[in-house]
Amino acid sequence: MKPRHAVAFAILLVASNAFALTGEEYLPQAKLLLTSARTLALKAYPGKIISEELEQEAGGSGLRYSFVIRHRQAKHEVGIDAKTGELLENSIEGAHPD
């Protein structure tokens, strides 16, 4: 790979992953892969994922992937159960997100 192409590839790679999953310590407990949870979240609310978190929270199995998805000016929080894949939340993100 030419150096110029390598730099362009590195920039593209960093830009496409501008955020990181928070809550990685819970990954061993999750039965659903992050990639599968992303797919389910984008089916529930199409757009661009701008943040993602794996967290312990009431509802479902108690472990969920939470995604903030932007479509135009609207932002939705979509929650996917990390053990069952069930859609737990699909709501407009409020002025004071948690």
Protein backbone atom coordinates (compact mmCIF):
# COMPACT_ATOMS: atom_id res chain seq x y z
CA MET A 1 0.00 0.00 0.00
CA LYS A 2 1.37 3.40 -0.93
CA PRO A 3 2.00 5.76 2.02
CA ARG A 4 -0.61 8.23 0.76
CA HIS A 5 -3.21 5.46 0.56
CA ALA A 6 -2.25 4.18 4.00
CA VAL A 7 -2.80 7.63 5.51
CA ALA A 8 -6.16 8.00 3.75
CA PHE A 9 -7.20 4.54 4.97
CA ALA A 10 -6.17 5.37 8.55
CA ILE A 11 -8.17 8.62 8.46
CA LEU A 12 -11.21 6.79 7.10
CA LEU A 13 -10.91 4.13 9.77
CA VAL A 14 -10.70 6.68 12.58
CA ALA A 15 -13.55 8.78 11.15
CA SER A 16 -15.85 5.77 10.83
CA ASN A 17 -15.27 4.85 14.49
CA ALA A 18 -15.40 8.30 16.04
CA PHE A 19 -16.95 6.91 19.20
CA ALA A 20 -16.23 3.89 21.32
CA LEU A 21 -18.51 1.55 23.18
CA THR A 22 -18.73 2.41 26.85
CA GLY A 23 -19.43 -0.41 29.26
CA GLU A 24 -17.01 -2.89 27.67
CA GLU A 25 -16.62 -4.59 31.05
CA TYR A 26 -20.13 -6.06 30.58
CA LEU A 27 -19.38 -7.66 27.19
CA PRO A 28 -18.71 -11.12 28.69
CA GLN A 29 -22.29 -11.11 30.07
CA ALA A 30 -23.90 -10.17 26.74
CA LYS A 31 -25.24 -13.00 24.59
CA LEU A 32 -25.97 -10.71 21.65
CA LEU A 33 -22.98 -9.43 19.68
CA LEU A 34 -22.56 -5.67 19.42
CA THR A 35 -22.81 -5.86 15.62
CA SER A 36 -26.16 -7.67 15.87
CA ALA A 37 -27.44 -5.14 18.40
CA ARG A 38 -26.45 -2.29 16.05
CA THR A 39 -28.37 -3.94 13.21
CA LEU A 40 -31.48 -4.31 15.37
CA ALA A 41 -31.22 -0.71 16.60
CA LEU A 42 -30.95 0.65 13.06
CA LYS A 43 -33.97 -1.42 12.02
CA ALA A 44 -35.94 0.19 14.86
CA TYR A 45 -34.77 3.70 13.94
CA PRO A 46 -32.75 4.17 10.74
CA GLY A 47 -30.03 6.81 10.83
CA LYS A 48 -26.46 7.19 12.05
CA ILE A 49 -25.35 5.80 15.40
CA ILE A 50 -23.59 8.60 17.24
CA SER A 51 -23.04 6.88 20.60
CA GLU A 52 -23.37 3.42 22.05
CA GLU A 53 -23.22 1.98 25.53
CA LEU A 54 -23.58 -1.39 27.19
CA GLU A 55 -25.15 -0.86 30.59
CA GLN A 56 -26.95 -2.50 33.45
CA GLU A 57 -30.41 -1.00 33.63
CA ALA A 58 -33.85 -2.09 34.79
CA GLY A 59 -36.04 -3.78 32.21
CA GLY A 60 -35.58 -6.92 30.17
CA SER A 61 -32.65 -9.02 31.33
CA GLY A 62 -31.09 -6.02 33.08
CA LEU A 63 -28.29 -5.67 30.50
CA ARG A 64 -28.84 -3.48 27.47
CA TYR A 65 -27.14 -1.86 24.57
CA SER A 66 -28.19 1.79 24.36
CA PHE A 67 -27.69 3.62 21.09
CA VAL A 68 -28.25 7.26 20.24
CA ILE A 69 -29.21 7.42 16.58
CA ARG A 70 -29.44 10.65 14.62
CA HIS A 71 -31.65 11.10 11.58
CA ARG A 72 -31.63 14.64 10.26
CA GLN A 73 -32.07 16.81 13.37
CA ALA A 74 -33.82 14.19 15.52
CA LYS A 75 -31.98 11.97 17.98
CA HIS A 76 -33.50 8.75 19.29
CA GLU A 77 -32.35 6.50 22.07
CA VAL A 78 -32.79 2.86 21.14
CA GLY A 79 -32.32 0.16 23.77
CA ILE A 80 -31.70 -3.47 22.81
CA ASP A 81 -31.61 -6.24 25.42
CA ALA A 82 -28.04 -7.60 25.35
CA LYS A 83 -29.17 -11.12 26.20
CA THR A 84 -32.37 -11.56 24.17
CA GLY A 85 -32.23 -8.96 21.38
CA GLU A 86 -35.60 -7.55 22.45
CA LEU A 87 -36.31 -3.90 21.64
CA LEU A 88 -36.61 -2.20 25.03
CA GLU A 89 -36.70 1.48 24.07
CA ASN A 90 -37.17 3.63 20.99
CA SER A 91 -37.79 7.20 22.05
CA ILE A 92 -36.81 10.74 21.21
CA GLU A 93 -33.79 11.71 23.25
CA GLY A 94 -34.76 14.46 25.65
CA ALA A 95 -33.00 17.72 26.46
CA HIS A 96 -31.26 16.06 29.41
CA PRO A 97 -30.13 12.59 28.31
CA ASP A 98 -28.80 10.34 31.05
